[in-house]
Amino acid sequence: MTDRTTGASPERDGDREAIARLLPVPADRDLPREQHLRHKELLMHHIDRDQAIPAGRTRRLLRPALLAPATALTLACALAAGAALNGGDRASSGTASHRAAPDMRPVAALLSRISDAAEERDTPTVRDDQFVYTREKTRGADLTSGKAVLGSLLDRETWAAQQPGPLHRLGLIREDGETFPLNAELGDTGGTPAGLDRPTYRWLSSLPTDPDELLSYLYAKTPRTGGRERDQAVFEQIGSLLGTMMPPRTAAALYRAAAKIPGVSRAPRARDAIGRRGLGIARDDTRHGIRTEWVFDEKDFSFLGYRSYLIKDTPYGKTGTLLSSEAELELAVVDKAGQQPADGGRM
C-alpha cells in the first residue's frame, strides 16, 4: 500500500535497502559533490521505474552486475557520499578566504567576461507553474568494480518543476527513449523544497547578486563532509547550478563569485561530452586527484557543459581517466512535463 501523503511504500523502501546491502562497501573517499548533485536523481528514478515492472519480471536493480553504467555510477556516488547528500553537517558561516583584494589573475578576467555576457543575455522569466526543460548528452564511469569503466554516451531530457514546494514529484526524465518520473529522495518524506538541491527560477531569483554576499551564502549553505576541502565543495556547488534557467543578474553573480574562490584556474583544452572545445574554468581537488572543468562557448560565452577526470593515478584509474561529462544541447521553458520546446535550442 502506498502512503498518499508521502508517496512511499514498504515494498519500495525494502528494495532500496536491498540494493544498498548488495553493493560493495565504498572506499573511504569522496567524489566531487557536483557529480553527486548531477547524478543522484538517477538512482531514485531508476528505482521508481523498476517498481512499475509487472509481477513476474526480474527487477534489474536487484542484480548489481547487470546495472547500466549510468545507474551504477549513481549508486557508487550516492553510497560513497551518503553524509553529503542526506542532511550532512552544514557550516554556520562562510570562509574569509574569498575576501581578498581585487583578483588580476587571467581566470578572473575570463570569468568577468563570462559574467558580463550572462548579464546581457535575454533569458525568459519562468513561472511557478512551468517546467525548465534541458536536453543533454551525458557520459559517466561505472565505479562499482573499484575501477572506472567508461559508459556510453546517453541522451537525456529533463523537465524540472518550478513550484516552490516542498514537492514529492519533482519533474520528469527521459533517458535513451525511456521516460519516468523524478521523485523526491527517500529521506525527503515531506517533499523536496526549492533550494540548492532543487534550484527553481524563483529560488535563484532570491539569491544575493553581490558576489561577496552570494559567496558567503554558498560557503554557509553548502553541505559539509568529513575531510572535504571547503573551497572545492563550493566550486562544485556553483557548478551544479550552471546550465539551468536563471535571472541574468544571478548568473552573472555566480561567475563573479566563482572568480573569488582560491585555486580556480583556466583550462585551455576543455571539452564537453561531445567533444566541443571551449573556454575552460577548472579547479583541482588535490585530495582526491580529480579536476572539474566548466566549458563555455568561445564566441558568446554560453555554458556548454562540464567534465571531471583524474589528474593523478588512483585505485579507480590512471591520470586522465574520465569520470563524468555533460554537453548541454538545449535549454527552454515549457508549460507541461513531457512537452517539447516550440523552438530549437542551442546545438
C-alpha atoms as a PDB file:
ATOM      1  CA  MET A   1       0.000   0.000   0.000  1.00  0.00           C
ATOM      2  CA  THR A   2       1.296   3.440  -0.927  1.00  0.00           C
ATOM      3  CA  ASP A   3       1.177   6.283   1.580  1.00  0.00           C
ATOM      4  CA  ARG A   4      -0.802   9.004  -0.236  1.00  0.00           C
ATOM      5  CA  THR A   5       0.858  11.669   1.898  1.00  0.00           C
ATOM      6  CA  THR A   6       4.497  10.787   1.272  1.00  0.00           C
ATOM      7  CA  GLY A   7       4.281   8.662  -1.865  1.00  0.00           C
ATOM      8  CA  ALA A   8       6.404   5.984  -0.170  1.00  0.00           C
ATOM      9  CA  SER A   9       5.651   2.276   0.077  1.00  0.00           C
ATOM     10  CA  PRO A  10       7.117  -0.501   2.255  1.00  0.00           C
ATOM     11  CA  GLU A  11       7.926  -2.546  -0.864  1.00  0.00           C
ATOM     12  CA  ARG A  12       9.856   0.302  -2.484  1.00  0.00           C
ATOM     13  CA  ASP A  13      11.743   1.095   0.699  1.00  0.00           C
ATOM     14  CA  GLY A  14      12.656  -2.575   1.060  1.00  0.00           C
ATOM     15  CA  ASP A  15      14.026  -2.682  -2.486  1.00  0.00           C
ATOM     16  CA  ARG A  16      16.192   0.381  -1.867  1.00  0.00           C
ATOM     17  CA  GLU A  17      17.607  -1.169   1.297  1.00  0.00           C
ATOM     18  CA  ALA A  18      18.271  -4.409  -0.583  1.00  0.00           C
ATOM     19  CA  ILE A  19      20.217  -2.524  -3.228  1.00  0.00           C
ATOM     20  CA  ALA A  20      22.431  -0.908  -0.611  1.00  0.00           C
ATOM     21  CA  ARG A  21      23.149  -4.281   1.035  1.00  0.00           C
ATOM     22  CA  LEU A  22      24.070  -5.962  -2.257  1.00  0.00           C
ATOM     23  CA  LEU A  23      26.559  -3.325  -3.351  1.00  0.00           C
ATOM     24  CA  PRO A  24      30.208  -3.468  -2.232  1.00  0.00           C
ATOM     25  CA  VAL A  25      31.206  -1.186   0.632  1.00  0.00           C
ATOM     26  CA  PRO A  26      32.537   2.040  -0.936  1.00  0.00           C
ATOM     27  CA  ALA A  27      36.147   3.034  -0.472  1.00  0.00           C
ATOM     28  CA  ASP A  28      36.897   5.590   2.223  1.00  0.00           C
ATOM     29  CA  ARG A  29      36.983   8.530  -0.156  1.00  0.00           C
ATOM     30  CA  ASP A  30      34.610  11.122  -1.503  1.00  0.00           C
ATOM     31  CA  LEU A  31      33.819  12.050  -5.090  1.00  0.00           C
ATOM     32  CA  PRO A  32      33.083  15.619  -6.168  1.00  0.00           C
ATOM     33  CA  ARG A  33      29.765  16.929  -4.866  1.00  0.00           C
ATOM     34  CA  GLU A  34      28.973  18.304  -8.323  1.00  0.00           C
ATOM     35  CA  GLN A  35      28.923  14.725  -9.636  1.00  0.00           C
ATOM     36  CA  HIS A  36      26.635  13.671  -6.776  1.00  0.00           C
ATOM     37  CA  LEU A  37      24.229  16.522  -7.500  1.00  0.00           C
ATOM     38  CA  ARG A  38      24.115  15.792 -11.223  1.00  0.00           C
ATOM     39  CA  HIS A  39      23.729  12.021 -10.894  1.00  0.00           C
ATOM     40  CA  LYS A  40      21.995  11.266  -7.600  1.00  0.00           C
ATOM     41  CA  GLU A  41      18.477  11.701  -9.022  1.00  0.00           C
ATOM     42  CA  LEU A  42      19.113   8.869 -11.475  1.00  0.00           C
ATOM     43  CA  LEU A  43      19.264   6.338  -8.649  1.00  0.00           C
ATOM     44  CA  MET A  44      15.810   7.257  -7.433  1.00  0.00           C
ATOM     45  CA  HIS A  45      14.123   7.403 -10.826  1.00  0.00           C
ATOM     46  CA  HIS A  46      15.642   4.086 -11.921  1.00  0.00           C
ATOM     47  CA  ILE A  47      14.253   2.505  -8.761  1.00  0.00           C
ATOM     48  CA  ASP A  48      10.866   4.146  -9.307  1.00  0.00           C
ATOM     49  CA  ARG A  49      10.815   2.935 -12.925  1.00  0.00           C
ATOM     50  CA  ASP A  50      11.566  -0.647 -11.904  1.00  0.00           C
ATOM     51  CA  GLN A  51       8.746  -0.588  -9.352  1.00  0.00           C
ATOM     52  CA  ALA A  52       6.356  -0.340 -12.307  1.00  0.00           C
ATOM     53  CA  ILE A  53       7.589  -3.606 -13.894  1.00  0.00           C
ATOM     54  CA  PRO A  54       4.771  -6.186 -13.883  1.00  0.00           C
ATOM     55  CA  ALA A  55       4.903  -9.035 -11.378  1.00  0.00           C
ATOM     56  CA  GLY A  56       6.949 -11.991 -12.546  1.00  0.00           C
ATOM     57  CA  ARG A  57       9.587  -9.959 -14.381  1.00  0.00           C
ATOM     58  CA  THR A  58      13.069  -9.564 -12.927  1.00  0.00           C
ATOM     59  CA  ARG A  59      13.903  -6.213 -11.335  1.00  0.00           C
ATOM     60  CA  ARG A  60      17.293  -5.329 -12.784  1.00  0.00           C
ATOM     61  CA  LEU A  61      18.278  -3.129  -9.853  1.00  0.00           C
ATOM     62  CA  LEU A  62      18.422  -6.099  -7.503  1.00  0.00           C
ATOM     63  CA  ARG A  63      21.202  -7.577  -9.636  1.00  0.00           C
ATOM     64  CA  PRO A  64      24.140  -5.117  -9.435  1.00  0.00           C
ATOM     65  CA  ALA A  65      26.183  -6.953 -12.085  1.00  0.00           C
ATOM     66  CA  LEU A  66      23.549  -6.027 -14.674  1.00  0.00           C
ATOM     67  CA  LEU A  67      23.263  -2.353 -13.817  1.00  0.00           C
ATOM     68  CA  ALA A  68      23.562   0.101 -16.672  1.00  0.00           C
ATOM     69  CA  PRO A  69      26.700   2.284 -16.398  1.00  0.00           C
ATOM     70  CA  ALA A  70      24.820   5.478 -15.528  1.00  0.00           C
ATOM     71  CA  THR A  71      22.895   3.743 -12.761  1.00  0.00           C
ATOM     72  CA  ALA A  72      25.988   2.044 -11.397  1.00  0.00           C
ATOM     73  CA  LEU A  73      27.804   5.344 -11.236  1.00  0.00           C
ATOM     74  CA  THR A  74      24.841   6.825  -9.432  1.00  0.00           C
ATOM     75  CA  LEU A  75      24.831   4.040  -6.861  1.00  0.00           C
ATOM     76  CA  ALA A  76      28.558   4.315  -6.246  1.00  0.00           C
ATOM     77  CA  CYS A  77      28.418   8.084  -5.866  1.00  0.00           C
ATOM     78  CA  ALA A  78      25.303   8.055  -3.703  1.00  0.00           C
ATOM     79  CA  LEU A  79      26.628   5.444  -1.286  1.00  0.00           C
ATOM     80  CA  ALA A  80      30.152   6.855  -1.124  1.00  0.00           C
ATOM     81  CA  ALA A  81      28.797  10.269  -0.205  1.00  0.00           C
ATOM     82  CA  GLY A  82      25.784   9.429   1.908  1.00  0.00           C
ATOM     83  CA  ALA A  83      26.572  12.015   4.529  1.00  0.00           C
ATOM     84  CA  ALA A  84      26.963  14.763   1.949  1.00  0.00           C
ATOM     85  CA  LEU A  85      23.670  14.013   0.256  1.00  0.00           C
ATOM     86  CA  ASN A  86      21.444  13.304   3.249  1.00  0.00           C
ATOM     87  CA  GLY A  87      21.489  16.189   5.654  1.00  0.00           C
ATOM     88  CA  GLY A  88      25.226  16.391   6.154  1.00  0.00           C
ATOM     89  CA  ASP A  89      26.633  18.851   8.667  1.00  0.00           C
ATOM     90  CA  ARG A  90      26.252  22.382   7.357  1.00  0.00           C
ATOM     91  CA  ALA A  91      28.501  25.314   8.032  1.00  0.00           C
ATOM     92  CA  SER A  92      27.178  28.153  10.127  1.00  0.00           C
ATOM     93  CA  SER A  93      29.249  30.814   8.446  1.00  0.00           C
ATOM     94  CA  GLY A  94      31.324  31.450   5.357  1.00  0.00           C
ATOM     95  CA  THR A  95      35.063  31.488   4.978  1.00  0.00           C
ATOM     96  CA  ALA A  96      37.178  34.604   4.805  1.00  0.00           C
ATOM     97  CA  SER A  97      39.432  33.138   2.114  1.00  0.00           C
ATOM     98  CA  HIS A  98      37.492  34.816  -0.705  1.00  0.00           C
ATOM     99  CA  ARG A  99      37.601  38.271   0.859  1.00  0.00           C
ATOM    100  CA  ALA A 100      40.798  39.285  -0.842  1.00  0.00           C
ATOM    101  CA  ALA A 101      41.988  42.254  -2.885  1.00  0.00           C
ATOM    102  CA  PRO A 102      40.731  42.533  -6.488  1.00  0.00           C
ATOM    103  CA  ASP A 103      41.897  39.464  -8.425  1.00  0.00           C
ATOM    104  CA  MET A 104      44.005  40.191 -11.506  1.00  0.00           C
ATOM    105  CA  ARG A 105      44.574  36.542 -12.484  1.00  0.00           C
ATOM    106  CA  PRO A 106      43.755  35.581 -16.106  1.00  0.00           C
ATOM    107  CA  VAL A 107      40.933  33.369 -14.842  1.00  0.00           C
ATOM    108  CA  ALA A 108      39.347  36.353 -13.095  1.00  0.00           C
ATOM    109  CA  ALA A 109      39.403  38.315 -16.347  1.00  0.00           C
ATOM    110  CA  LEU A 110      37.793  35.427 -18.234  1.00  0.00           C
ATOM    111  CA  LEU A 111      35.082  34.926 -15.601  1.00  0.00           C
ATOM    112  CA  SER A 112      34.414  38.656 -15.710  1.00  0.00           C
ATOM    113  CA  ARG A 113      33.768  38.401 -19.470  1.00  0.00           C
ATOM    114  CA  ILE A 114      31.550  35.342 -18.964  1.00  0.00           C
ATOM    115  CA  SER A 115      29.700  37.222 -16.239  1.00  0.00           C
ATOM    116  CA  ASP A 116      29.165  40.296 -18.404  1.00  0.00           C
ATOM    117  CA  ALA A 117      27.808  38.138 -21.235  1.00  0.00           C
ATOM    118  CA  ALA A 118      25.456  36.319 -18.846  1.00  0.00           C
ATOM    119  CA  GLU A 119      24.108  39.601 -17.504  1.00  0.00           C
ATOM    120  CA  GLU A 120      23.335  40.826 -21.017  1.00  0.00           C
ATOM    121  CA  ARG A 121      21.720  37.570 -22.149  1.00  0.00           C
ATOM    122  CA  ASP A 122      17.982  37.702 -22.822  1.00  0.00           C
ATOM    123  CA  THR A 123      16.585  34.998 -20.511  1.00  0.00           C
ATOM    124  CA  PRO A 124      12.855  34.266 -20.176  1.00  0.00           C
ATOM    125  CA  THR A 125      11.181  34.604 -16.798  1.00  0.00           C
ATOM    126  CA  VAL A 126       9.878  31.261 -15.536  1.00  0.00           C
ATOM    127  CA  ARG A 127       6.513  30.978 -13.774  1.00  0.00           C
ATOM    128  CA  ASP A 128       5.968  28.670 -10.814  1.00  0.00           C
ATOM    129  CA  ASP A 129       3.568  26.507 -12.836  1.00  0.00           C
ATOM    130  CA  GLN A 130       6.051  25.918 -15.667  1.00  0.00           C
ATOM    131  CA  PHE A 131       8.943  23.494 -16.203  1.00  0.00           C
ATOM    132  CA  VAL A 132      12.567  24.124 -17.134  1.00  0.00           C
ATOM    133  CA  TYR A 133      13.490  21.783 -19.988  1.00  0.00           C
ATOM    134  CA  THR A 134      17.056  20.641 -20.654  1.00  0.00           C
ATOM    135  CA  ARG A 135      18.360  18.308 -23.339  1.00  0.00           C
ATOM    136  CA  GLU A 136      21.867  16.997 -22.969  1.00  0.00           C
ATOM    137  CA  LYS A 137      24.376  14.275 -23.720  1.00  0.00           C
ATOM    138  CA  THR A 138      25.938  12.658 -20.675  1.00  0.00           C
ATOM    139  CA  ARG A 139      28.624  10.114 -20.030  1.00  0.00           C
ATOM    140  CA  GLY A 140      29.866   8.589 -16.800  1.00  0.00           C
ATOM    141  CA  ALA A 141      32.166   5.945 -15.428  1.00  0.00           C
ATOM    142  CA  ASP A 142      30.953   2.817 -13.639  1.00  0.00           C
ATOM    143  CA  LEU A 143      32.882   2.669 -10.337  1.00  0.00           C
ATOM    144  CA  THR A 144      31.219  -0.308  -8.669  1.00  0.00           C
ATOM    145  CA  SER A 145      34.044  -2.703  -9.573  1.00  0.00           C
ATOM    146  CA  GLY A 146      36.608  -0.424  -7.942  1.00  0.00           C
ATOM    147  CA  LYS A 147      37.842   0.696 -11.369  1.00  0.00           C
ATOM    148  CA  ALA A 148      36.471   3.454 -13.577  1.00  0.00           C
ATOM    149  CA  VAL A 149      34.816   1.838 -16.617  1.00  0.00           C
ATOM    150  CA  LEU A 150      33.549   4.491 -19.024  1.00  0.00           C
ATOM    151  CA  GLY A 151      29.974   4.024 -20.172  1.00  0.00           C
ATOM    152  CA  SER A 152      28.348   5.005 -23.438  1.00  0.00           C
ATOM    153  CA  LEU A 153      27.109   8.477 -24.336  1.00  0.00           C
ATOM    154  CA  LEU A 154      23.477   8.849 -23.243  1.00  0.00           C
ATOM    155  CA  ASP A 155      20.698  11.147 -24.417  1.00  0.00           C
ATOM    156  CA  ARG A 156      18.807  12.788 -21.580  1.00  0.00           C
ATOM    157  CA  GLU A 157      15.884  15.202 -21.369  1.00  0.00           C
ATOM    158  CA  THR A 158      14.715  16.662 -18.081  1.00  0.00           C
ATOM    159  CA  TRP A 159      11.598  18.628 -17.124  1.00  0.00           C
ATOM    160  CA  ALA A 160      12.160  20.298 -13.732  1.00  0.00           C
ATOM    161  CA  ALA A 161       9.106  21.517 -11.843  1.00  0.00           C
ATOM    162  CA  GLN A 162       9.325  25.121 -10.695  1.00  0.00           C
ATOM    163  CA  GLN A 163       6.773  25.131  -7.869  1.00  0.00           C
ATOM    164  CA  PRO A 164       8.344  26.261  -4.579  1.00  0.00           C
ATOM    165  CA  GLY A 165       7.280  23.048  -2.894  1.00  0.00           C
ATOM    166  CA  PRO A 166       8.095  21.006  -0.990  1.00  0.00           C
ATOM    167  CA  LEU A 167       7.294  18.553  -3.790  1.00  0.00           C
ATOM    168  CA  HIS A 168       7.154  14.771  -4.000  1.00  0.00           C
ATOM    169  CA  ARG A 169       7.076  14.765  -7.816  1.00  0.00           C
ATOM    170  CA  LEU A 170       9.963  16.933  -8.984  1.00  0.00           C
ATOM    171  CA  GLY A 171       9.541  16.506 -12.707  1.00  0.00           C
ATOM    172  CA  LEU A 172      10.229  14.047 -15.475  1.00  0.00           C
ATOM    173  CA  ILE A 173      13.300  12.459 -17.070  1.00  0.00           C
ATOM    174  CA  ARG A 174      13.645  10.776 -20.453  1.00  0.00           C
ATOM    175  CA  GLU A 175      16.869   8.830 -20.876  1.00  0.00           C
ATOM    176  CA  ASP A 176      17.663   6.977 -24.108  1.00  0.00           C
ATOM    177  CA  GLY A 177      13.981   6.871 -25.005  1.00  0.00           C
ATOM    178  CA  GLU A 178      12.641   5.727 -21.632  1.00  0.00           C
ATOM    179  CA  THR A 179      10.529   8.163 -19.615  1.00  0.00           C
ATOM    180  CA  PHE A 180       9.952   8.029 -15.874  1.00  0.00           C
ATOM    181  CA  PRO A 181       9.110  10.418 -13.035  1.00  0.00           C
ATOM    182  CA  LEU A 182      11.681  12.278 -10.995  1.00  0.00           C
ATOM    183  CA  ASN A 183      10.680  11.853  -7.362  1.00  0.00           C
ATOM    184  CA  ALA A 184      11.882  13.287  -4.073  1.00  0.00           C
ATOM    185  CA  GLU A 185      14.702  11.455  -2.311  1.00  0.00           C
ATOM    186  CA  LEU A 186      13.841   8.666   0.090  1.00  0.00           C
ATOM    187  CA  GLY A 187      14.723  10.801   3.135  1.00  0.00           C
ATOM    188  CA  ASP A 188      12.571  13.729   1.993  1.00  0.00           C
ATOM    189  CA  THR A 189       9.332  12.366   3.450  1.00  0.00           C
ATOM    190  CA  GLY A 190       7.818  15.842   3.442  1.00  0.00           C
ATOM    191  CA  GLY A 191       8.900  16.511  -0.122  1.00  0.00           C
ATOM    192  CA  THR A 192      11.853  18.448  -1.517  1.00  0.00           C
ATOM    193  CA  PRO A 193      11.709  22.249  -1.204  1.00  0.00           C
ATOM    194  CA  ALA A 194      13.292  24.679  -3.619  1.00  0.00           C
ATOM    195  CA  GLY A 195      16.956  25.245  -2.764  1.00  0.00           C
ATOM    196  CA  LEU A 196      20.459  24.104  -3.584  1.00  0.00           C
ATOM    197  CA  ASP A 197      19.287  20.589  -4.407  1.00  0.00           C
ATOM    198  CA  ARG A 198      16.285  21.831  -6.419  1.00  0.00           C
ATOM    199  CA  PRO A 199      17.156  25.272  -7.789  1.00  0.00           C
ATOM    200  CA  THR A 200      13.951  26.775  -9.153  1.00  0.00           C
ATOM    201  CA  TYR A 201      13.881  30.079 -11.019  1.00  0.00           C
ATOM    202  CA  ARG A 202      12.110  31.780  -8.114  1.00  0.00           C
ATOM    203  CA  TRP A 203      14.670  30.466  -5.597  1.00  0.00           C
ATOM    204  CA  LEU A 204      17.577  31.504  -7.801  1.00  0.00           C
ATOM    205  CA  SER A 205      15.980  34.955  -8.068  1.00  0.00           C
ATOM    206  CA  SER A 206      16.125  35.252  -4.281  1.00  0.00           C
ATOM    207  CA  LEU A 207      19.900  34.790  -4.062  1.00  0.00           C
ATOM    208  CA  PRO A 208      22.156  37.793  -3.373  1.00  0.00           C
ATOM    209  CA  THR A 209      23.528  39.388  -6.528  1.00  0.00           C
ATOM    210  CA  ASP A 210      26.507  40.913  -4.750  1.00  0.00           C
ATOM    211  CA  PRO A 211      29.337  38.386  -5.395  1.00  0.00           C
ATOM    212  CA  ASP A 212      30.759  38.570  -1.859  1.00  0.00           C
ATOM    213  CA  GLU A 213      27.347  38.142  -0.256  1.00  0.00           C
ATOM    214  CA  LEU A 214      26.493  35.293  -2.606  1.00  0.00           C
ATOM    215  CA  LEU A 215      29.767  33.507  -1.927  1.00  0.00           C
ATOM    216  CA  SER A 216      29.309  33.873   1.830  1.00  0.00           C
ATOM    217  CA  TYR A 217      25.837  32.365   1.448  1.00  0.00           C
ATOM    218  CA  LEU A 218      27.211  29.421  -0.528  1.00  0.00           C
ATOM    219  CA  TYR A 219      30.001  28.775   1.975  1.00  0.00           C
ATOM    220  CA  ALA A 220      27.383  28.772   4.717  1.00  0.00           C
ATOM    221  CA  LYS A 221      24.848  26.526   2.973  1.00  0.00           C
ATOM    222  CA  THR A 222      26.951  24.041   1.016  1.00  0.00           C
ATOM    223  CA  PRO A 223      26.856  20.738   2.963  1.00  0.00           C
ATOM    224  CA  ARG A 224      29.993  19.679   4.798  1.00  0.00           C
ATOM    225  CA  THR A 225      31.501  16.198   4.801  1.00  0.00           C
ATOM    226  CA  GLY A 226      34.429  14.937   6.820  1.00  0.00           C
ATOM    227  CA  GLY A 227      37.755  15.952   5.311  1.00  0.00           C
ATOM    228  CA  ARG A 228      36.173  17.735   2.348  1.00  0.00           C
ATOM    229  CA  GLU A 229      38.050  20.831   1.231  1.00  0.00           C
ATOM    230  CA  ARG A 230      35.657  23.737   1.616  1.00  0.00           C
ATOM    231  CA  ASP A 231      36.743  25.783  -1.420  1.00  0.00           C
ATOM    232  CA  GLN A 232      36.370  22.770  -3.712  1.00  0.00           C
ATOM    233  CA  ALA A 233      32.933  21.920  -2.323  1.00  0.00           C
ATOM    234  CA  VAL A 234      31.677  25.452  -3.015  1.00  0.00           C
ATOM    235  CA  PHE A 235      33.175  25.473  -6.526  1.00  0.00           C
ATOM    236  CA  GLU A 236      31.327  22.247  -7.306  1.00  0.00           C
ATOM    237  CA  GLN A 237      28.154  23.601  -5.717  1.00  0.00           C
ATOM    238  CA  ILE A 238      28.251  26.553  -8.108  1.00  0.00           C
ATOM    239  CA  GLY A 239      28.880  24.113 -10.952  1.00  0.00           C
ATOM    240  CA  SER A 240      25.733  22.214 -10.037  1.00  0.00           C
ATOM    241  CA  LEU A 241      23.697  25.397 -10.624  1.00  0.00           C
ATOM    242  CA  LEU A 242      25.081  26.128 -14.080  1.00  0.00           C
ATOM    243  CA  GLY A 243      23.111  25.131 -17.138  1.00  0.00           C
ATOM    244  CA  THR A 244      19.684  25.870 -15.690  1.00  0.00           C
ATOM    245  CA  MET A 245      17.382  28.794 -16.362  1.00  0.00           C
ATOM    246  CA  MET A 246      18.059  31.697 -14.022  1.00  0.00           C
ATOM    247  CA  PRO A 247      17.836  35.505 -13.954  1.00  0.00           C
ATOM    248  CA  PRO A 248      20.761  37.146 -15.789  1.00  0.00           C
ATOM    249  CA  ARG A 249      21.905  39.024 -12.665  1.00  0.00           C
ATOM    250  CA  THR A 250      22.025  35.766 -10.681  1.00  0.00           C
ATOM    251  CA  ALA A 251      24.095  34.047 -13.368  1.00  0.00           C
ATOM    252  CA  ALA A 252      26.487  36.993 -13.506  1.00  0.00           C
ATOM    253  CA  ALA A 253      26.889  36.966  -9.718  1.00  0.00           C
ATOM    254  CA  LEU A 254      27.646  33.225  -9.676  1.00  0.00           C
ATOM    255  CA  TYR A 255      30.518  33.660 -12.126  1.00  0.00           C
ATOM    256  CA  ARG A 256      31.917  36.649 -10.258  1.00  0.00           C
ATOM    257  CA  ALA A 257      31.663  34.664  -7.016  1.00  0.00           C
ATOM    258  CA  ALA A 258      33.478  31.707  -8.569  1.00  0.00           C
ATOM    259  CA  ALA A 259      36.352  34.004  -9.534  1.00  0.00           C
ATOM    260  CA  LYS A 260      36.933  34.700  -5.831  1.00  0.00           C
ATOM    261  CA  ILE A 261      37.422  31.041  -4.856  1.00  0.00           C
ATOM    262  CA  PRO A 262      41.112  30.219  -4.310  1.00  0.00           C
ATOM    263  CA  GLY A 263      42.547  27.688  -6.745  1.00  0.00           C
ATOM    264  CA  VAL A 264      40.217  28.366  -9.666  1.00  0.00           C
ATOM    265  CA  SER A 265      42.129  28.469 -12.961  1.00  0.00           C
ATOM    266  CA  ARG A 266      41.734  28.471 -16.731  1.00  0.00           C
ATOM    267  CA  ALA A 267      41.626  25.161 -18.613  1.00  0.00           C
ATOM    268  CA  PRO A 268      42.813  25.809 -22.193  1.00  0.00           C
ATOM    269  CA  ARG A 269      41.962  22.332 -23.559  1.00  0.00           C
ATOM    270  CA  ALA A 270      38.492  21.959 -22.071  1.00  0.00           C
ATOM    271  CA  ARG A 271      35.931  19.886 -23.978  1.00  0.00           C
ATOM    272  CA  ASP A 272      32.393  18.830 -23.190  1.00  0.00           C
ATOM    273  CA  ALA A 273      30.850  15.349 -23.530  1.00  0.00           C
ATOM    274  CA  ILE A 274      30.534  15.535 -27.327  1.00  0.00           C
ATOM    275  CA  GLY A 275      33.981  16.981 -27.876  1.00  0.00           C
ATOM    276  CA  ARG A 276      33.101  20.641 -28.320  1.00  0.00           C
ATOM    277  CA  ARG A 277      36.152  22.641 -27.394  1.00  0.00           C
ATOM    278  CA  GLY A 278      35.625  25.824 -25.435  1.00  0.00           C
ATOM    279  CA  LEU A 279      36.875  28.180 -22.775  1.00  0.00           C
ATOM    280  CA  GLY A 280      37.532  26.217 -19.619  1.00  0.00           C
ATOM    281  CA  ILE A 281      37.243  27.122 -15.943  1.00  0.00           C
ATOM    282  CA  ALA A 282      38.661  24.484 -13.613  1.00  0.00           C
ATOM    283  CA  ARG A 283      39.593  23.623 -10.077  1.00  0.00           C
ATOM    284  CA  ASP A 284      41.599  20.655  -8.840  1.00  0.00           C
ATOM    285  CA  ASP A 285      40.510  18.523  -5.934  1.00  0.00           C
ATOM    286  CA  THR A 286      44.048  17.714  -4.820  1.00  0.00           C
ATOM    287  CA  ARG A 287      42.935  15.383  -2.042  1.00  0.00           C
ATOM    288  CA  HIS A 288      41.146  13.038  -4.447  1.00  0.00           C
ATOM    289  CA  GLY A 289      43.157  13.795  -7.579  1.00  0.00           C
ATOM    290  CA  ILE A 290      40.172  14.999  -9.635  1.00  0.00           C
ATOM    291  CA  ARG A 291      39.838  18.038 -11.870  1.00  0.00           C
ATOM    292  CA  THR A 292      36.413  19.539 -12.552  1.00  0.00           C
ATOM    293  CA  GLU A 293      36.071  21.760 -15.625  1.00  0.00           C
ATOM    294  CA  TRP A 294      33.270  24.000 -16.833  1.00  0.00           C
ATOM    295  CA  VAL A 295      33.200  24.607 -20.590  1.00  0.00           C
ATOM    296  CA  PHE A 296      31.943  27.797 -22.255  1.00  0.00           C
ATOM    297  CA  ASP A 297      31.395  28.775 -25.875  1.00  0.00           C
ATOM    298  CA  GLU A 298      34.335  30.739 -27.264  1.00  0.00           C
ATOM    299  CA  LYS A 299      32.094  33.233 -29.075  1.00  0.00           C
ATOM    300  CA  ASP A 300      29.127  34.050 -26.860  1.00  0.00           C
ATOM    301  CA  PHE A 301      30.435  32.663 -23.509  1.00  0.00           C
ATOM    302  CA  SER A 302      27.327  30.487 -23.011  1.00  0.00           C
ATOM    303  CA  PHE A 303      27.628  27.358 -20.876  1.00  0.00           C
ATOM    304  CA  LEU A 304      28.339  24.226 -22.959  1.00  0.00           C
ATOM    305  CA  GLY A 305      28.844  21.579 -20.296  1.00  0.00           C
ATOM    306  CA  TYR A 306      31.374  20.126 -17.903  1.00  0.00           C
ATOM    307  CA  ARG A 307      33.695  17.193 -17.335  1.00  0.00           C
ATOM    308  CA  SER A 308      35.682  15.687 -14.479  1.00  0.00           C
ATOM    309  CA  TYR A 309      38.705  13.409 -14.742  1.00  0.00           C
ATOM    310  CA  LEU A 310      41.625  12.079 -12.740  1.00  0.00           C
ATOM    311  CA  ILE A 311      44.763  14.198 -12.503  1.00  0.00           C
ATOM    312  CA  LYS A 312      46.772  11.544 -10.683  1.00  0.00           C
ATOM    313  CA  ASP A 313      46.874   7.769 -10.558  1.00  0.00           C
ATOM    314  CA  THR A 314      44.315   6.399  -8.101  1.00  0.00           C
ATOM    315  CA  PRO A 315      42.777   2.993  -7.349  1.00  0.00           C
ATOM    316  CA  TYR A 316      39.963   3.968  -9.764  1.00  0.00           C
ATOM    317  CA  GLY A 317      42.251   4.580 -12.735  1.00  0.00           C
ATOM    318  CA  LYS A 318      45.221   6.340 -14.288  1.00  0.00           C
ATOM    319  CA  THR A 319      45.783  10.037 -14.791  1.00  0.00           C
ATOM    320  CA  GLY A 320      43.414  11.364 -17.458  1.00  0.00           C
ATOM    321  CA  THR A 321      40.642   8.825 -16.811  1.00  0.00           C
ATOM    322  CA  LEU A 322      37.258  10.444 -17.469  1.00  0.00           C
ATOM    323  CA  LEU A 323      34.782  10.196 -14.590  1.00  0.00           C
ATOM    324  CA  SER A 324      31.838  12.176 -15.907  1.00  0.00           C
ATOM    325  CA  SER A 325      30.939  14.660 -18.626  1.00  0.00           C
ATOM    326  CA  GLU A 326      27.951  16.522 -19.965  1.00  0.00           C
ATOM    327  CA  ALA A 327      27.065  18.557 -23.031  1.00  0.00           C
ATOM    328  CA  GLU A 328      24.052  20.835 -22.806  1.00  0.00           C
ATOM    329  CA  LEU A 329      22.232  20.982 -26.139  1.00  0.00           C
ATOM    330  CA  GLU A 330      19.021  22.798 -25.324  1.00  0.00           C
ATOM    331  CA  LEU A 331      17.568  24.895 -22.513  1.00  0.00           C
ATOM    332  CA  ALA A 332      13.981  26.130 -22.610  1.00  0.00           C
ATOM    333  CA  VAL A 333      10.781  26.773 -20.662  1.00  0.00           C
ATOM    334  CA  VAL A 334       7.647  24.688 -21.267  1.00  0.00           C
ATOM    335  CA  ASP A 335       4.184  24.552 -19.728  1.00  0.00           C
ATOM    336  CA  LYS A 336       3.931  20.796 -19.107  1.00  0.00           C
ATOM    337  CA  ALA A 337       6.239  17.929 -18.189  1.00  0.00           C
ATOM    338  CA  GLY A 338       6.986  15.922 -21.324  1.00  0.00           C
ATOM    339  CA  GLN A 339       6.286  18.837 -23.654  1.00  0.00           C
ATOM    340  CA  GLN A 340       8.890  19.629 -26.333  1.00  0.00           C
ATOM    341  CA  PRO A 341      10.041  23.244 -26.721  1.00  0.00           C
ATOM    342  CA  ALA A 342       8.457  25.078 -29.640  1.00  0.00           C
ATOM    343  CA  ASP A 343      11.812  26.454 -30.802  1.00  0.00           C
ATOM    344  CA  GLY A 344      15.082  24.582 -31.161  1.00  0.00           C
ATOM    345  CA  GLY A 345      17.772  25.251 -28.590  1.00  0.00           C
ATOM    346  CA  ARG A 346      21.492  25.749 -28.858  1.00  0.00           C
ATOM    347  CA  MET A 347      23.406  22.989 -30.645  1.00  0.00           C
END
